[in-house]
């Protein structure tokens, strides 16, 4: 090899090394982003904890059923997380289903945040309000089940769910990852009244949470 070709060879080797280094850096960066992407999980319903809350206010006594969502502690925060209603159905006593199309596409309310989107930090569970069962005063008024959608209907009752069993298909969305589809089935005690003592069986119960994708 002549002395004149040595610099050219060294330049080519240096360029190749730079290309490999740049490609490796990009690959490592993409891998790191993928490994730290938000990983949201829908947790089982716990009727003994804050997933089921009873509030006794001046104008009503109500139970709130909530769904817990957890972001993996090794992930980065999940931004603009929302839970959207894909479909809502009432299951009648004979097993038939009645669709509630006016609820489709509506976002649910995040507990304590009172908004439709939040940031879910790693390792810290957040709850989304799902159903509210209330027995307004005066005493003797029957219970009323509502899906906790936003915005809260002001001049209509489209958030009211008739019947004792409701089946929901929901989408958990986040800015950077594909949506997670899941279903929830809940039972309601239609005979519950405001006069019943606390401490008995809850009048609303989420009995099945199932991933669909």
Protein backbone atom coordinates (compact mmCIF):
# COMPACT_ATOMS: atom_id res chain seq x y z
CA UNK A 1 0.00 0.00 0.00
CA UNK A 2 1.47 3.34 -1.03
CA UNK A 3 1.83 6.14 1.42
CA UNK A 4 -0.67 8.19 -0.55
CA UNK A 5 -3.46 5.70 -0.02
CA UNK A 6 -3.03 5.37 3.74
CA UNK A 7 -4.89 8.58 4.64
CA UNK A 8 -7.78 7.63 2.36
CA UNK A 9 -8.07 4.21 3.99
CA UNK A 10 -7.98 5.71 7.45
CA UNK A 11 -10.64 8.23 6.46
CA UNK A 12 -12.87 5.45 5.17
CA UNK A 13 -12.38 3.42 8.34
CA UNK A 14 -13.17 6.47 10.48
CA UNK A 15 -16.32 7.20 8.49
CA UNK A 16 -17.47 3.60 8.80
CA UNK A 17 -16.84 3.63 12.52
CA UNK A 18 -18.81 6.86 12.89
CA UNK A 19 -21.71 5.36 10.94
CA UNK A 20 -21.73 2.25 13.14
CA UNK A 21 -21.59 4.37 16.28
CA UNK A 22 -24.43 6.58 15.10
CA UNK A 23 -26.54 3.58 14.12
CA UNK A 24 -25.87 1.92 17.47
CA UNK A 25 -26.80 5.09 19.34
CA UNK A 26 -30.07 5.37 17.42
CA UNK A 27 -30.87 1.69 18.06
CA UNK A 28 -30.11 2.00 21.77
CA UNK A 29 -32.21 5.13 21.96
CA UNK A 30 -35.17 3.48 20.25
CA UNK A 31 -34.80 0.42 22.49
CA UNK A 32 -34.69 2.59 25.60
CA UNK A 33 -37.81 4.51 24.53
CA UNK A 34 -39.61 1.22 23.83
CA UNK A 35 -38.59 -0.32 27.15
CA UNK A 36 -39.68 2.74 29.14
CA UNK A 37 -42.96 3.28 27.28
CA UNK A 38 -45.99 3.48 29.59
CA UNK A 39 -47.43 0.08 30.50
CA UNK A 40 -50.93 0.60 31.87
CA UNK A 41 -52.73 -2.23 33.68
CA UNK A 42 -56.36 -2.46 34.78
CA UNK A 43 -56.38 -3.91 38.30
CA UNK A 44 -59.06 -6.18 39.84
CA UNK A 45 -61.96 -4.53 41.64
CA UNK A 46 -61.59 -4.36 45.44
CA UNK A 47 -64.91 -3.68 47.15
CA UNK A 48 -63.20 -3.34 50.55
CA UNK A 49 -61.04 -0.40 49.49
CA UNK A 50 -61.37 2.93 47.67
CA UNK A 51 -62.64 1.16 44.53
CA UNK A 52 -66.07 1.37 46.18
CA UNK A 53 -66.83 4.56 48.07
CA UNK A 54 -69.96 5.44 50.04
CA UNK A 55 -70.87 9.10 50.48
CA UNK A 56 -73.74 10.28 52.67
CA UNK A 57 -74.45 13.88 51.77
CA UNK A 58 -77.28 16.19 52.70
CA UNK A 59 -79.23 15.66 49.48
CA UNK A 60 -78.34 12.07 48.69
CA UNK A 61 -76.58 8.91 49.75
CA UNK A 62 -74.47 7.43 47.01
CA UNK A 63 -72.03 4.65 46.15
CA UNK A 64 -69.26 5.23 43.61
CA UNK A 65 -67.69 2.24 41.82
CA UNK A 66 -64.24 2.89 40.40
CA UNK A 67 -61.65 1.13 38.26
CA UNK A 68 -57.98 1.18 39.28
CA UNK A 69 -55.29 1.72 36.65
CA UNK A 70 -51.58 1.25 37.30
CA UNK A 71 -48.57 2.32 35.26
CA UNK A 72 -45.54 0.03 35.58
CA UNK A 73 -43.01 1.53 38.01
CA UNK A 74 -40.17 1.12 35.46
CA UNK A 75 -42.03 3.07 32.80
CA UNK A 76 -42.22 6.76 32.15
CA UNK A 77 -45.37 8.69 32.97
CA UNK A 78 -48.43 8.08 30.80
CA UNK A 79 -49.63 11.40 29.39
CA UNK A 80 -53.21 12.34 28.49
CA UNK A 81 -54.60 9.02 29.75
CA UNK A 82 -58.33 8.67 29.10
CA UNK A 83 -61.00 5.96 29.47
CA UNK A 84 -63.62 6.09 26.72
CA UNK A 85 -66.91 4.25 26.45
CA UNK A 86 -66.88 2.00 23.37
CA UNK A 87 -70.28 0.46 24.04
CA UNK A 88 -72.79 0.14 26.88
CA UNK A 89 -75.47 -2.51 27.27
CA UNK A 90 -78.07 -3.44 29.87
CA UNK A 91 -78.41 -7.20 30.41
CA UNK A 92 -82.00 -8.11 31.22
CA UNK A 93 -83.17 -10.97 33.43
CA UNK A 94 -83.74 -13.23 30.42
CA UNK A 95 -80.17 -12.62 29.22
CA UNK A 96 -81.00 -10.34 26.31
CA UNK A 97 -79.04 -7.13 25.82
CA UNK A 98 -80.29 -3.60 25.29
CA UNK A 99 -77.80 -1.18 23.76
CA UNK A 100 -77.34 2.36 25.09
CA UNK A 101 -75.83 4.07 22.02
CA UNK A 102 -75.92 7.61 23.44
CA UNK A 103 -73.12 6.67 25.86
CA UNK A 104 -70.66 5.50 23.17
CA UNK A 105 -67.62 7.73 22.71
CA UNK A 106 -67.99 9.51 26.05
CA UNK A 107 -64.97 9.84 28.37
CA UNK A 108 -65.21 8.80 32.00
CA UNK A 109 -64.25 11.03 34.91
CA UNK A 110 -60.98 10.46 36.78
CA UNK A 111 -61.53 10.19 40.53
CA UNK A 112 -60.63 13.28 42.53
CA UNK A 113 -59.40 14.98 39.35
CA UNK A 114 -62.88 15.67 37.92
CA UNK A 115 -61.52 15.74 34.38
CA UNK A 116 -61.35 13.34 31.44
CA UNK A 117 -57.56 13.06 31.04
CA UNK A 118 -54.68 12.80 33.52
CA UNK A 119 -51.03 11.87 33.76
CA UNK A 120 -50.49 8.45 35.34
CA UNK A 121 -47.12 8.40 37.11
CA UNK A 122 -45.09 5.16 37.37
CA UNK A 123 -46.08 2.89 40.24
CA UNK A 124 -48.92 5.12 41.46
CA UNK A 125 -52.46 3.78 40.86
CA UNK A 126 -55.13 6.15 39.61
CA UNK A 127 -58.87 5.53 39.70
CA UNK A 128 -61.49 6.41 37.16
CA UNK A 129 -65.11 6.85 38.27
CA UNK A 130 -67.29 4.31 36.51
CA UNK A 131 -70.75 4.10 38.08
CA UNK A 132 -72.66 6.10 40.66
CA UNK A 133 -75.66 4.62 42.47
CA UNK A 134 -77.65 7.17 44.42
CA UNK A 135 -80.90 7.31 46.36
CA UNK A 136 -81.91 10.97 46.47
CA UNK A 137 -83.91 12.34 49.33
CA UNK A 138 -86.79 12.42 50.18
CA UNK A 139 -86.74 8.91 51.58
CA UNK A 140 -88.65 6.32 49.59
CA UNK A 141 -87.25 7.41 46.22
CA UNK A 142 -85.79 4.45 44.34
CA UNK A 143 -82.09 4.16 43.52
CA UNK A 144 -80.70 5.63 40.32
CA UNK A 145 -77.64 4.32 38.48
CA UNK A 146 -75.56 6.69 36.36
CA UNK A 147 -72.47 6.22 34.23
CA UNK A 148 -69.94 8.89 35.27
CA UNK A 149 -69.30 10.49 31.89
CA UNK A 150 -68.02 13.94 30.99
CA UNK A 151 -69.33 16.45 30.43
CA UNK A 152 -72.07 15.72 32.96
CA UNK A 153 -75.43 15.92 31.17
CA UNK A 154 -77.34 18.96 32.39
CA UNK A 155 -80.62 18.83 30.52
CA UNK A 156 -80.93 15.14 29.74
CA UNK A 157 -80.80 11.78 31.47
CA UNK A 158 -78.66 9.96 28.94
CA UNK A 159 -76.16 8.98 31.64
CA UNK A 160 -78.88 7.09 33.55
CA UNK A 161 -78.57 3.31 33.21
CA UNK A 162 -81.80 1.29 33.65
CA UNK A 163 -81.75 -2.30 34.85
CA UNK A 164 -79.72 -4.31 37.34
CA UNK A 165 -76.78 -5.53 35.21
CA UNK A 166 -74.68 -3.38 32.90
CA UNK A 167 -71.94 -4.48 30.51
CA UNK A 168 -69.42 -1.92 29.27
CA UNK A 169 -66.64 -2.08 26.72
CA UNK A 170 -64.04 0.58 27.40
CA UNK A 171 -60.84 1.89 25.79
CA UNK A 172 -57.89 3.02 27.90
CA UNK A 173 -55.89 5.44 25.75
CA UNK A 174 -52.61 7.27 26.20
CA UNK A 175 -50.61 9.62 23.99
CA UNK A 176 -47.73 7.29 23.07
CA UNK A 177 -49.06 3.71 23.15
CA UNK A 178 -51.94 1.84 21.46
CA UNK A 179 -55.30 1.72 23.24
CA UNK A 180 -56.14 -1.11 25.63
CA UNK A 181 -59.67 -2.46 25.27
CA UNK A 182 -61.37 -4.02 28.29
CA UNK A 183 -64.86 -4.88 29.49
CA UNK A 184 -66.61 -4.39 32.81
CA UNK A 185 -69.77 -6.07 34.07
CA UNK A 186 -71.51 -4.62 37.12
CA UNK A 187 -74.54 -5.68 39.17
CA UNK A 188 -76.87 -3.33 41.01
CA UNK A 189 -79.34 -3.98 43.82
CA UNK A 190 -82.48 -2.29 42.51
CA UNK A 191 -84.14 -2.71 45.91
CA UNK A 192 -81.53 -0.66 47.76
CA UNK A 193 -82.91 2.36 49.61
CA UNK A 194 -81.38 5.26 51.45
CA UNK A 195 -82.70 3.92 54.76
CA UNK A 196 -80.62 0.73 54.65
CA UNK A 197 -77.86 0.55 57.23
CA UNK A 198 -74.22 0.85 56.17
CA UNK A 199 -71.98 -2.16 56.54
CA UNK A 200 -74.14 -4.65 54.65
CA UNK A 201 -73.53 -6.07 51.18
CA UNK A 202 -72.72 -3.26 48.75
CA UNK A 203 -75.63 -2.39 46.45
CA UNK A 204 -73.28 -2.05 43.49
CA UNK A 205 -70.58 -4.52 42.58
CA UNK A 206 -68.18 -4.84 39.66
CA UNK A 207 -68.00 -8.59 39.25
CA UNK A 208 -65.94 -8.94 36.07
CA UNK A 209 -63.12 -6.95 34.47
CA UNK A 210 -61.68 -8.56 31.35
CA UNK A 211 -59.03 -7.49 28.83
CA UNK A 212 -60.17 -7.54 25.21
CA UNK A 213 -56.85 -6.56 23.60
